[in-house]
Amino acid sequence: MKSIISILFVCFLGLSTSAQTSTTSTVNIIFRGVTKTTANYEVRIDDNRYFSNTNTNNTAIFKIVVNNLLTGSRLLRVYKLKNNNASYNSSSQNTLMYSNNFTLRPEYDMNITIRPNGTVQLNEQASPATPTGSSAPLTAAAFNSLKQSVQKQWSQSLKAEKIRDAFVNTNNSFRSEQVRQLLVLISSESDRLDLAKLAYAGVTDPNNFANLSDVFKSTAKRNEFAEFVGANAGSSVNTGTRYLITDANFTTLVTGIRNKWSQALKGDAIRDALVNSNNYYTTTQIRQLMSLITSESDKLDLIKLSYELVYDPNNFGSLYDIFTSLANRTAFNDYVTLKGGVTVNTGVKAQMSDFSYNQLMQSVQGKWSQALKADAVRDAFINTNNYFSTSQIRQLLVLVSSETDRFELAKLSYRSVMDPDNFSHLADLFNSASYRDEFNTFVGTKTGVSADANVRTPMPDSEFSLLTLSVRSRFLQLLKYSAEIEIFNNPNYFFNTNQVKQLISLINSEPNRLELAKLSYKTVTDPANFTSLDDLFKLQTSKDELANFVKTLQR
């Protein structure tokens, strides 16, 4: 009897101890932008099921709070359901969008965010009622004071020393985001890495610490940082809480980058925006940023940096066409595959050779009617083995006189363009404002780059009449010639070819006419008609020189 009581007592102690050591935490399932008009998503945590269409108020942000989940490893699966009707939640066909384990820690809540495109993000945060470590992170006021004191130091070495003192002070604790703000004050990546390692012991949200990898531009430094984090915490990079950048803020960002006077400064500005951003960007916005950079190697580095910030990662693979070289396209596709994304084109488009292109041009020019010319150009554009530069597409389109046919062929050609960032320049092939507007809309939907800046409207007839009169009133030919030089150099003046012809015809000297014709080319709104200026010249040498000048600009 005594032994039975002893056994029961031991069992009771074991159960009591187990109950005391078992801890629970909270999981917040956040459906951001998932409404009745989007897909319905099911979230499973182990065997517990939660659905987005239980959002009866159809709010843009819908949160399901799951309290008292036992800490430890949990299996998370997210499914996209075919039916949005809540009555069919248990039976609807589904597609697995995400499956992975996550660790729920004591004194921490886990936020699981699902967006309309099915992307899933996990972000750990300290439970509101419990401290995160030995002490709370610095208050905003205390941190701002520290940051200002660092910024006041006149040298990088003094700044680094000030930050080092702050990190080794055991009375200080920091959030990972505060550590980031201090690290970016240091220009040396070696010093940044040393300080980051030093900071780790004092962070209150160690699961977010891995996100600091993007403060390093060097691949070697990023790898070393990742190894350090893995050895100390086993954490994976987490993007934290970010929101899609507003159109206004993105426009401001692009304008600021455009205003940088060198490619190096443009690249630095984009890198800073991506490294220090609290925003997500759409794939189209990433494309717009990359279009500001000319170096393909720099584009490749920046586009890799942007991946963690992309709002629609399923579309990210479509950016392959910003690269023209085989090596860079292959490197991009390999990177997307490594990240678990889908590549749009695993091969590489090769621009049509000059020899083949000249044969094509001769073939089209040899057609005796406009209908046959348009058919030949159409056949060239729909041939999936053909790829063209924007300049080559322009030369083909000008062989077709009908603006309606040109417009349809221009849209058809987009599939084959090698340099889509330049495609919007074709807007000047259309004299009709309605076709230009429609073309701009088409380009905007394809590239996100507005072509409006490339659409130039010829001077109204009333203004042009006054301008012509002012030139005619000059008594001497020299004064007329000087006046027209000023006119064609005015960046706010644009003319159709007929207006250019009227101005140049006021000049008697053929050499001066030739110089003015060359100068006027950048102002014409219908360059396809520019060859009509040949009538201004009697000498064949002048006509040939002008034709060669235009051909050089169109390459």
Protein backbone atom coordinates (compact mmCIF):
# COMPACT_ATOMS: atom_id res chain seq x y z
CA MET A 1 0.00 0.00 0.00
CA LYS A 2 2.82 2.34 0.91
CA SER A 3 4.54 1.68 -2.42
CA ILE A 4 1.33 2.41 -4.40
CA ILE A 5 0.90 5.73 -2.64
CA SER A 6 4.56 6.57 -3.38
CA ILE A 7 4.07 5.80 -7.07
CA LEU A 8 0.91 7.93 -7.24
CA PHE A 9 2.71 10.76 -5.46
CA VAL A 10 5.60 10.65 -7.95
CA CYS A 11 3.20 10.63 -10.88
CA PHE A 12 1.34 13.58 -9.44
CA LEU A 13 4.61 15.50 -9.06
CA GLY A 14 5.50 14.68 -12.65
CA LEU A 15 2.16 15.92 -13.93
CA SER A 16 2.38 19.01 -11.75
CA THR A 17 5.87 19.80 -12.97
CA SER A 18 4.83 19.23 -16.59
CA ALA A 19 1.90 21.59 -16.20
CA GLN A 20 4.11 24.24 -14.68
CA THR A 21 6.74 24.05 -17.46
CA SER A 22 4.27 24.00 -20.36
CA THR A 23 3.93 27.53 -21.77
CA THR A 24 1.67 29.03 -24.38
CA SER A 25 1.85 31.96 -26.78
CA THR A 26 -0.39 33.67 -29.29
CA VAL A 27 -0.52 33.43 -33.07
CA ASN A 28 -2.09 36.28 -35.06
CA ILE A 29 -3.30 35.29 -38.53
CA ILE A 30 -3.53 38.50 -40.56
CA PHE A 31 -5.26 38.55 -43.95
CA ARG A 32 -4.04 41.80 -45.53
CA GLY A 33 -6.03 42.85 -48.59
CA VAL A 34 -7.82 39.49 -48.77
CA THR A 35 -11.55 40.22 -49.21
CA LYS A 36 -14.63 38.72 -50.82
CA THR A 37 -13.39 39.86 -54.23
CA THR A 38 -10.10 37.94 -53.92
CA ALA A 39 -9.29 34.28 -53.46
CA ASN A 40 -10.32 32.49 -50.25
CA TYR A 41 -7.42 31.17 -48.15
CA GLU A 42 -7.31 28.46 -45.50
CA VAL A 43 -4.59 28.56 -42.84
CA ARG A 44 -3.81 25.37 -40.97
CA ILE A 45 -1.71 25.38 -37.82
CA ASP A 46 -1.12 21.73 -37.14
CA ASP A 47 -4.70 20.39 -37.49
CA ASN A 48 -6.53 23.63 -36.64
CA ARG A 49 -8.17 25.39 -39.62
CA TYR A 50 -8.86 29.11 -40.15
CA PHE A 51 -10.47 30.74 -43.20
CA SER A 52 -10.22 34.23 -44.71
CA ASN A 53 -13.87 34.29 -45.76
CA THR A 54 -14.98 34.41 -42.13
CA ASN A 55 -14.26 38.13 -42.54
CA THR A 56 -17.96 38.98 -42.44
CA ASN A 57 -17.34 42.75 -42.48
CA ASN A 58 -15.12 42.41 -45.61
CA THR A 59 -12.44 44.65 -44.11
CA ALA A 60 -9.11 45.19 -45.87
CA ILE A 61 -7.22 43.86 -42.85
CA PHE A 62 -8.74 40.89 -41.02
CA LYS A 63 -7.05 39.32 -38.01
CA ILE A 64 -7.77 36.00 -36.35
CA VAL A 65 -6.20 35.71 -32.90
CA VAL A 66 -5.32 32.22 -31.78
CA ASN A 67 -4.52 32.27 -28.05
CA ASN A 68 -2.94 29.69 -25.78
CA LEU A 69 -1.07 27.64 -28.35
CA LEU A 70 1.63 25.49 -26.81
CA THR A 71 5.12 26.75 -27.58
CA GLY A 72 7.45 24.69 -29.70
CA SER A 73 7.52 23.63 -33.36
CA ARG A 74 4.28 24.11 -35.28
CA LEU A 75 3.38 23.07 -38.83
CA LEU A 76 1.95 25.90 -40.93
CA ARG A 77 0.17 25.26 -44.22
CA VAL A 78 -1.71 27.78 -46.37
CA TYR A 79 -4.15 26.71 -49.08
CA LYS A 80 -5.88 28.69 -51.79
CA LEU A 81 -9.48 27.53 -52.06
CA LYS A 82 -11.33 27.37 -55.35
CA ASN A 83 -14.67 28.35 -53.80
CA ASN A 84 -15.14 31.59 -51.84
CA ASN A 85 -18.41 30.50 -50.28
CA ALA A 86 -17.97 29.73 -46.57
CA SER A 87 -20.48 26.88 -46.88
CA TYR A 88 -17.94 24.97 -48.95
CA ASN A 89 -14.87 25.63 -46.81
CA SER A 90 -14.55 21.99 -45.73
CA SER A 91 -15.08 20.51 -49.20
CA SER A 92 -13.69 23.07 -51.66
CA GLN A 93 -10.80 22.10 -53.91
CA ASN A 94 -7.57 23.67 -52.72
CA THR A 95 -4.04 24.43 -53.85
CA LEU A 96 -1.15 24.32 -51.40
CA MET A 97 0.57 27.72 -51.41
CA TYR A 98 2.89 27.36 -48.42
CA SER A 99 4.10 24.65 -46.07
CA ASN A 100 6.76 24.98 -43.40
CA ASN A 101 7.42 24.64 -39.68
CA PHE A 102 7.80 27.60 -37.38
CA THR A 103 8.87 27.82 -33.76
CA LEU A 104 6.53 29.45 -31.26
CA ARG A 105 8.61 30.74 -28.36
CA PRO A 106 7.59 31.65 -24.82
CA GLU A 107 6.89 35.35 -24.33
CA TYR A 108 6.69 35.93 -28.09
CA ASP A 109 3.71 36.19 -30.44
CA MET A 110 3.87 35.04 -34.05
CA ASN A 111 2.24 37.15 -36.78
CA ILE A 112 1.36 35.26 -39.95
CA THR A 113 0.42 37.60 -42.80
CA ILE A 114 -1.27 36.35 -45.99
CA ARG A 115 -1.65 38.65 -48.99
CA PRO A 116 -4.01 38.43 -51.99
CA ASN A 117 -1.34 36.86 -54.20
CA GLY A 118 -0.81 34.04 -51.71
CA THR A 119 2.52 35.20 -50.29
CA VAL A 120 3.05 34.33 -46.64
CA GLN A 121 5.24 36.23 -44.19
CA LEU A 122 6.08 35.41 -40.59
CA ASN A 123 7.13 38.03 -38.09
CA GLU A 124 7.84 37.39 -34.42
CA GLN A 125 7.25 40.06 -31.81
CA ALA A 126 7.46 40.25 -28.06
CA SER A 127 4.24 39.47 -26.26
CA PRO A 128 2.74 42.74 -25.00
CA ALA A 129 2.57 41.69 -21.36
CA THR A 130 6.04 40.25 -21.01
CA PRO A 131 9.57 41.62 -21.29
CA THR A 132 11.69 40.33 -24.22
CA GLY A 133 15.01 39.98 -22.49
CA SER A 134 16.96 41.10 -19.49
CA SER A 135 15.72 44.63 -20.16
CA ALA A 136 13.45 46.52 -22.53
CA PRO A 137 14.96 48.14 -25.63
CA LEU A 138 15.99 51.77 -25.47
CA THR A 139 13.07 54.15 -25.58
CA ALA A 140 12.65 56.25 -28.71
CA ALA A 141 13.93 59.33 -26.89
CA ALA A 142 17.00 57.55 -25.50
CA PHE A 143 17.80 55.95 -28.84
CA ASN A 144 17.44 59.23 -30.76
CA SER A 145 19.79 60.87 -28.29
CA LEU A 146 22.35 58.09 -28.83
CA LYS A 147 22.00 58.26 -32.60
CA GLN A 148 22.48 62.04 -32.64
CA SER A 149 25.58 61.75 -30.48
CA VAL A 150 27.03 59.26 -32.98
CA GLN A 151 26.20 61.47 -35.96
CA LYS A 152 28.00 64.42 -34.32
CA GLN A 153 31.32 62.55 -34.28
CA TRP A 154 33.54 64.03 -36.98
CA SER A 155 35.24 60.82 -38.13
CA GLN A 156 34.16 57.29 -38.98
CA SER A 157 36.48 55.82 -36.35
CA LEU A 158 34.92 57.96 -33.62
CA LYS A 159 31.42 57.02 -34.80
CA ALA A 160 32.32 53.32 -34.70
CA GLU A 161 33.84 53.69 -31.24
CA LYS A 162 30.69 55.43 -29.97
CA ILE A 163 28.46 52.65 -31.31
CA ARG A 164 30.79 49.98 -29.92
CA ASP A 165 30.56 51.54 -26.44
CA ALA A 166 26.76 51.51 -26.69
CA PHE A 167 26.66 47.84 -27.68
CA VAL A 168 29.03 46.60 -24.97
CA ASN A 169 27.14 48.52 -22.26
CA THR A 170 25.18 45.74 -20.56
CA ASN A 171 22.55 48.24 -19.43
CA ASN A 172 21.54 48.84 -23.06
CA SER A 173 19.20 46.67 -25.10
CA PHE A 174 18.15 47.31 -28.68
CA ARG A 175 15.58 46.24 -31.20
CA SER A 176 17.06 44.90 -34.44
CA GLU A 177 15.72 47.93 -36.30
CA GLN A 178 17.58 50.24 -33.90
CA VAL A 179 20.77 48.26 -34.52
CA ARG A 180 20.22 48.76 -38.27
CA GLN A 181 19.96 52.53 -37.90
CA LEU A 182 23.26 52.63 -36.05
CA LEU A 183 25.09 50.29 -38.44
CA VAL A 184 24.24 52.33 -41.54
CA LEU A 185 26.08 55.29 -39.99
CA ILE A 186 29.31 53.34 -40.54
CA SER A 187 30.72 53.21 -44.08
CA SER A 188 33.21 50.36 -43.61
CA GLU A 189 31.50 47.00 -44.12
CA SER A 190 34.16 45.27 -42.02
CA ASP A 191 33.38 47.57 -39.10
CA ARG A 192 29.64 47.10 -39.69
CA LEU A 193 30.06 43.35 -39.47
CA ASP A 194 32.11 43.51 -36.26
CA LEU A 195 29.57 45.86 -34.69
CA ALA A 196 26.64 43.70 -35.80
CA LYS A 197 28.18 40.68 -34.11
CA LEU A 198 28.79 42.76 -31.00
CA ALA A 199 25.19 43.98 -30.98
CA TYR A 200 23.60 40.54 -31.07
CA ALA A 201 23.91 39.89 -27.31
CA GLY A 202 21.81 42.97 -26.57
CA VAL A 203 18.95 42.60 -29.06
CA THR A 204 15.48 42.02 -27.71
CA ASP A 205 14.09 40.44 -30.90
CA PRO A 206 16.78 37.98 -32.03
CA ASN A 207 14.46 36.33 -34.57
CA ASN A 208 14.47 39.58 -36.55
CA PHE A 209 18.23 40.03 -36.36
CA ALA A 210 18.84 38.07 -39.57
CA ASN A 211 17.05 40.82 -41.52
CA LEU A 212 20.12 43.03 -41.05
CA SER A 213 21.93 41.10 -43.78
CA ASP A 214 20.85 43.69 -46.34
CA VAL A 215 23.09 46.38 -44.78
CA PHE A 216 26.01 44.58 -46.44
CA LYS A 217 26.65 45.10 -50.15
CA SER A 218 29.52 42.62 -50.24
CA THR A 219 28.45 39.02 -50.84
CA ALA A 220 31.31 37.81 -48.64
CA LYS A 221 30.19 40.00 -45.74
CA ARG A 222 26.55 38.93 -46.14
CA ASN A 223 27.60 35.30 -46.10
CA GLU A 224 29.74 35.79 -43.00
CA PHE A 225 26.86 37.57 -41.28
CA ALA A 226 24.47 34.76 -42.22
CA GLU A 227 26.89 32.17 -40.80
CA PHE A 228 27.13 34.15 -37.56
CA VAL A 229 23.35 34.39 -37.21
CA GLY A 230 22.90 30.73 -38.05
CA ALA A 231 25.48 29.68 -35.47
CA ASN A 232 24.00 31.86 -32.74
CA ALA A 233 20.28 31.73 -33.41
CA GLY A 234 19.45 29.47 -36.31
CA SER A 235 17.19 32.20 -37.64
CA SER A 236 16.34 32.71 -41.26
CA VAL A 237 15.98 36.11 -42.91
CA ASN A 238 12.63 37.68 -42.18
CA THR A 239 11.42 40.74 -44.03
CA GLY A 240 9.64 42.21 -41.02
CA THR A 241 6.56 44.38 -41.34
CA ARG A 242 6.47 46.46 -44.51
CA TYR A 243 3.75 48.02 -46.65
CA LEU A 244 3.44 48.62 -50.37
CA ILE A 245 4.95 52.01 -51.18
CA THR A 246 2.39 54.62 -52.15
CA ASP A 247 2.33 55.99 -55.71
CA ALA A 248 3.21 59.45 -54.44
CA ASN A 249 6.22 58.25 -52.45
CA PHE A 250 7.41 56.09 -55.33
CA THR A 251 7.18 59.01 -57.76
CA THR A 252 9.23 61.12 -55.33
CA LEU A 253 11.80 58.33 -55.06
CA VAL A 254 12.13 57.96 -58.85
CA THR A 255 12.41 61.73 -59.34
CA GLY A 256 15.15 61.95 -56.74
CA ILE A 257 17.11 59.14 -58.40
CA ARG A 258 16.71 60.67 -61.88
CA ASN A 259 18.18 63.93 -60.58
CA LYS A 260 21.44 62.24 -59.59
CA TRP A 261 24.08 63.35 -62.07
CA SER A 262 26.00 60.07 -62.37
CA GLN A 263 25.19 56.38 -62.72
CA ALA A 264 27.18 55.64 -59.56
CA LEU A 265 25.01 58.01 -57.52
CA LYS A 266 21.84 56.61 -59.09
CA GLY A 267 22.93 53.10 -58.12
CA ASP A 268 23.75 54.17 -54.56
CA ALA A 269 20.35 55.89 -54.24
CA ILE A 270 18.47 52.77 -55.36
CA ARG A 271 20.56 50.57 -53.07
CA ASP A 272 19.88 52.87 -50.11
CA ALA A 273 16.16 52.82 -50.89
CA LEU A 274 16.12 49.03 -50.94
CA VAL A 275 18.34 48.57 -47.89
CA ASN A 276 16.64 51.11 -45.64
CA SER A 277 13.10 50.73 -46.91
CA ASN A 278 10.10 49.92 -44.77
CA ASN A 279 8.15 49.36 -47.98
CA TYR A 280 7.38 46.68 -50.49
CA TYR A 281 7.61 47.32 -54.23
CA THR A 282 5.69 45.78 -57.10
CA THR A 283 7.62 44.03 -59.86
CA THR A 284 6.63 46.87 -62.18
CA GLN A 285 8.12 49.42 -59.78
CA ILE A 286 11.33 47.38 -59.54
CA ARG A 287 11.47 47.43 -63.35
CA GLN A 288 11.16 51.23 -63.34
CA LEU A 289 14.01 51.53 -60.85
CA MET A 290 16.23 49.19 -62.87
CA SER A 291 15.54 51.18 -66.05
CA LEU A 292 17.47 54.08 -64.48
CA ILE A 293 20.67 51.98 -64.40
CA THR A 294 22.72 51.31 -67.53
CA SER A 295 25.26 48.79 -66.23
CA GLU A 296 23.90 45.25 -66.43
CA SER A 297 26.16 44.03 -63.63
CA ASP A 298 24.85 46.78 -61.35
CA LYS A 299 21.28 45.92 -62.37
CA LEU A 300 21.90 42.30 -61.44
CA ASP A 301 23.24 43.21 -57.98
CA LEU A 302 20.36 45.60 -57.31
CA ILE A 303 17.67 43.28 -58.57
CA LYS A 304 18.91 40.54 -56.25
CA LEU A 305 18.77 43.02 -53.39
CA SER A 306 15.18 43.90 -54.32
CA TYR A 307 13.82 40.35 -54.19
CA GLU A 308 13.06 40.34 -50.46
CA LEU A 309 11.01 43.52 -50.92
CA VAL A 310 8.90 42.51 -53.89
CA TYR A 311 5.16 42.57 -53.25
CA ASP A 312 4.29 40.15 -56.06
CA PRO A 313 7.14 37.61 -56.12
CA ASN A 314 5.25 35.38 -58.57
CA ASN A 315 5.86 38.07 -61.23
CA PHE A 316 9.50 38.67 -60.34
CA GLY A 317 10.79 36.23 -62.96
CA SER A 318 9.37 38.45 -65.72
CA LEU A 319 12.20 40.92 -65.08
CA TYR A 320 14.61 38.69 -67.00
CA ASP A 321 14.13 40.85 -70.10
CA ILE A 322 15.89 43.87 -68.59
CA PHE A 323 19.11 41.99 -69.33
CA THR A 324 20.43 41.58 -72.87
CA SER A 325 23.48 39.40 -72.17
CA LEU A 326 23.28 35.63 -71.92
CA ALA A 327 25.41 35.55 -68.78
CA ASN A 328 23.25 38.03 -66.86
CA ARG A 329 19.95 36.47 -67.91
CA THR A 330 21.21 33.07 -66.87
CA ALA A 331 22.47 34.45 -63.54
CA PHE A 332 19.09 36.12 -62.95
CA ASN A 333 17.13 32.96 -63.74
CA ASP A 334 19.43 30.93 -61.48
CA TYR A 335 18.86 33.41 -58.65
CA VAL A 336 15.06 33.32 -59.04
CA THR A 337 15.14 29.52 -59.05
CA LEU A 338 17.33 29.52 -55.95
CA LYS A 339 14.78 31.70 -54.17
CA GLY A 340 11.98 29.31 -55.09
CA GLY A 341 10.51 31.59 -57.73
CA VAL A 342 9.37 30.80 -61.26
CA THR A 343 11.48 31.84 -64.23
CA VAL A 344 9.57 33.15 -67.21
CA ASN A 345 12.22 32.45 -69.79
CA THR A 346 14.98 29.96 -69.14
CA GLY A 347 16.54 30.64 -72.52
CA VAL A 348 17.85 33.87 -73.94
CA LYS A 349 16.52 35.98 -76.79
CA ALA A 350 19.08 36.88 -79.44
CA GLN A 351 18.59 40.05 -81.44
CA MET A 352 18.34 39.53 -85.20
CA SER A 353 21.72 39.96 -86.88
CA ASP A 354 22.33 42.96 -89.16
CA PHE A 355 22.60 40.66 -92.17
CA SER A 356 19.27 38.93 -91.49
CA TYR A 357 17.62 42.23 -90.65
CA ASN A 358 18.78 43.88 -93.87
CA GLN A 359 17.38 40.93 -95.81
CA LEU A 360 14.06 41.34 -93.99
CA MET A 361 13.96 45.07 -94.73
CA GLN A 362 14.65 44.47 -98.42
CA SER A 363 11.94 41.83 -98.53
CA VAL A 364 9.36 44.20 -97.00
CA GLN A 365 10.40 47.12 -99.22
CA GLY A 366 10.06 44.88 -102.26
CA LYS A 367 6.34 44.34 -101.66
CA TRP A 368 4.32 46.32 -104.18
CA SER A 369 1.40 47.31 -101.92
CA GLN A 370 0.96 48.62 -98.38
CA ALA A 371 -1.22 45.62 -97.50
CA LEU A 372 1.57 43.21 -98.48
CA LYS A 373 4.15 45.28 -96.60
CA ALA A 374 2.00 45.21 -93.45
CA ASP A 375 1.54 41.44 -93.80
CA ALA A 376 5.29 40.90 -94.15
CA VAL A 377 6.03 43.00 -91.06
CA ARG A 378 3.31 41.18 -89.14
CA ASP A 379 4.79 37.81 -90.09
CA ALA A 380 8.19 38.99 -88.85
CA PHE A 381 6.80 40.09 -85.48
CA ILE A 382 4.78 36.95 -84.77
CA ASN A 383 7.72 34.66 -85.61
CA THR A 384 8.79 33.53 -82.14
CA ASN A 385 12.36 33.08 -83.34
CA ASN A 386 12.72 36.78 -84.17
CA TYR A 387 13.80 39.47 -81.71
CA PHE A 388 14.46 43.11 -82.51
CA SER A 389 15.84 46.27 -80.98
CA THR A 390 13.46 49.22 -80.68
CA SER A 391 15.38 50.92 -83.48
CA GLN A 392 14.84 47.94 -85.78
CA ILE A 393 11.13 47.90 -84.97
CA ARG A 394 10.95 51.62 -85.78
CA GLN A 395 12.48 51.09 -89.23
CA LEU A 396 9.98 48.35 -90.01
CA LEU A 397 6.99 50.37 -88.81
CA VAL A 398 7.85 53.43 -90.93
CA LEU A 399 7.46 51.24 -94.04
CA VAL A 400 3.75 51.08 -93.21
CA SER A 401 1.87 54.32 -93.94
CA SER A 402 -1.45 53.58 -92.21
CA GLU A 403 -1.36 54.70 -88.56
CA THR A 404 -3.98 52.10 -87.71
CA ASP A 405 -1.77 49.34 -89.10
CA ARG A 406 1.30 50.87 -87.44
CA PHE A 407 -0.41 50.87 -84.08
CA GLU A 408 -1.51 47.24 -84.34
CA LEU A 409 1.96 46.20 -85.51
CA ALA A 410 3.64 48.18 -82.72
CA LYS A 411 1.58 46.31 -80.12
CA LEU A 412 2.34 43.03 -81.88
CA SER A 413 6.07 43.79 -81.85
CA TYR A 414 6.35 44.22 -78.08
CA ARG A 415 6.78 40.47 -77.57
CA SER A 416 9.95 40.58 -79.62
CA VAL A 417 11.59 43.77 -78.32
CA MET A 418 15.04 43.34 -76.78
CA ASP A 419 15.16 46.73 -75.04
CA PRO A 420 11.63 47.30 -73.66
CA ASP A 421 12.79 50.34 -71.66
CA ASN A 422 13.20 52.17 -75.00
CA PHE A 423 9.93 50.96 -76.50
CA SER A 424 8.02 54.06 -75.40
CA HIS A 425 10.16 56.14 -77.80
CA LEU A 426 8.09 54.77 -80.68
CA ALA A 427 5.26 57.12 -79.68
CA ASP A 428 6.58 59.72 -82.12
CA LEU A 429 5.63 57.44 -85.03
CA PHE A 430 2.02 58.52 -84.55
CA ASN A 431 0.81 61.92 -85.71
CA SER A 432 -2.66 61.34 -84.28
CA ALA A 433 -3.00 62.34 -80.63
CA SER A 434 -5.53 59.54 -80.08
CA TYR A 435 -3.08 56.90 -81.33
CA ARG A 436 -0.27 58.37 -79.23
CA ASP A 437 -2.46 58.28 -76.15
CA GLU A 438 -3.53 54.72 -76.86
CA PHE A 439 0.09 53.70 -77.47
CA ASN A 440 1.16 55.32 -74.19
CA THR A 441 -1.54 53.42 -72.33
CA PHE A 442 -0.40 50.17 -73.92
CA VAL A 443 3.25 50.80 -72.99
CA GLY A 444 2.28 51.77 -69.45
CA THR A 445 0.44 48.49 -68.89
CA LYS A 446 3.40 46.51 -70.23
CA THR A 447 6.34 48.26 -68.61
CA GLY A 448 4.99 50.63 -65.96
CA VAL A 449 7.06 53.36 -67.64
CA SER A 450 5.01 56.30 -68.77
CA ALA A 451 5.67 57.29 -72.33
CA ASP A 452 4.11 60.71 -71.85
CA ALA A 453 7.51 62.35 -71.45
CA ASN A 454 8.44 61.07 -74.91
CA VAL A 455 5.32 62.34 -76.65
CA ARG A 456 5.91 65.75 -78.18
CA THR A 457 3.18 67.96 -79.53
CA PRO A 458 3.98 70.20 -82.50
CA MET A 459 3.60 73.93 -82.04
CA PRO A 460 0.03 75.13 -82.63
CA ASP A 461 -0.53 76.87 -85.99
CA SER A 462 -1.25 80.24 -84.38
CA GLU A 463 2.04 80.24 -82.46
CA PHE A 464 3.95 78.90 -85.43
CA SER A 465 2.65 81.70 -87.67
CA LEU A 466 3.95 84.30 -85.21
CA LEU A 467 7.30 82.49 -84.97
CA THR A 468 7.65 82.36 -88.76
CA LEU A 469 6.77 86.03 -89.01
CA SER A 470 9.50 86.91 -86.52
CA VAL A 471 12.08 85.11 -88.67
CA ARG A 472 10.83 86.70 -91.89
CA SER A 473 11.14 90.15 -90.33
CA ARG A 474 14.92 89.74 -89.99
CA PHE A 475 16.53 91.84 -92.72
CA LEU A 476 19.69 89.83 -93.29
CA GLN A 477 20.07 86.13 -94.07
CA LEU A 478 22.66 85.87 -91.30
CA LEU A 479 20.10 87.12 -88.76
CA LYS A 480 17.47 84.69 -90.06
CA TYR A 481 19.95 81.84 -89.79
CA SER A 482 20.90 82.82 -86.20
CA ALA A 483 17.23 83.11 -85.22
CA GLU A 484 16.47 79.60 -86.50
CA ILE A 485 19.46 78.16 -84.66
CA GLU A 486 17.98 79.57 -81.45
CA ILE A 487 14.55 78.21 -82.36
CA PHE A 488 15.75 74.65 -82.98
CA ASN A 489 17.87 74.73 -79.82
CA ASN A 490 14.89 75.72 -77.68
CA PRO A 491 13.98 72.56 -75.67
CA ASN A 492 10.35 73.71 -75.39
CA TYR A 493 9.75 73.91 -79.15
CA PHE A 494 8.55 70.94 -81.21
CA PHE A 495 7.51 70.91 -84.85
CA ASN A 496 6.09 68.59 -87.43
CA THR A 497 8.19 68.04 -90.55
CA ASN A 498 6.11 70.43 -92.61
CA GLN A 499 6.72 73.24 -90.09
CA VAL A 500 10.46 72.51 -90.14
CA LYS A 501 10.41 72.70 -93.94
CA GLN A 502 8.70 76.11 -93.86
CA LEU A 503 11.31 77.51 -91.48
CA ILE A 504 14.33 76.16 -93.33
CA SER A 505 12.97 77.34 -96.69
CA LEU A 506 13.48 80.93 -95.42
CA ILE A 507 17.23 80.32 -95.64
CA ASN A 508 18.94 80.60 -99.05
CA SER A 509 22.31 78.94 -98.38
CA GLU A 510 22.24 75.17 -98.95
CA PRO A 511 25.05 74.46 -96.41
CA ASN A 512 23.13 76.47 -93.81
CA ARG A 513 19.94 74.64 -94.67
CA LEU A 514 21.73 71.34 -94.14
CA GLU A 515 23.00 72.37 -90.70
CA LEU A 516 19.54 73.57 -89.69
CA ALA A 517 17.95 70.33 -90.91
CA LYS A 518 20.35 68.31 -88.73
CA LEU A 519 19.67 70.60 -85.78
CA SER A 520 15.91 70.34 -86.25
CA TYR A 521 15.77 66.54 -86.13
CA LYS A 522 15.56 66.41 -82.34
CA THR A 523 12.51 68.71 -82.43
CA VAL A 524 10.36 66.84 -84.96
CA THR A 525 7.28 65.01 -83.77
CA ASP A 526 7.00 62.86 -86.90
CA PRO A 527 10.52 61.68 -87.76
CA ALA A 528 9.05 59.07 -90.08
CA ASN A 529 8.30 61.95 -92.49
CA PHE A 530 11.69 63.63 -92.11
CA THR A 531 12.93 62.39 -95.48
CA SER A 532 10.53 64.86 -97.14
CA LEU A 533 13.11 67.57 -96.35
CA ASP A 534 15.10 66.28 -99.33
CA ASP A 535 13.08 68.74 -101.44
CA LEU A 536 15.02 71.58 -99.79
CA PHE A 537 18.30 70.49 -101.36
CA LYS A 538 19.50 70.63 -104.94
CA LEU A 539 22.76 68.78 -104.38
CA GLN A 540 22.69 65.01 -104.00
CA THR A 541 25.65 65.23 -101.61
CA SER A 542 23.51 67.29 -99.21
CA LYS A 543 20.67 64.77 -99.39
CA ASP A 544 23.07 61.89 -98.76
CA GLU A 545 24.72 63.66 -95.82
CA LEU A 546 21.35 64.32 -94.18
CA ALA A 547 20.23 60.70 -94.74
CA ASN A 548 23.45 59.37 -93.17
CA PHE A 549 23.01 61.75 -90.22
CA VAL A 550 19.49 60.45 -89.53
CA LYS A 551 20.57 56.83 -89.96
CA THR A 552 23.33 57.33 -87.38
CA LEU A 553 20.84 58.70 -84.82
CA GLN A 554 18.42 55.81 -85.34
CA ARG A 555 20.97 53.10 -84.61
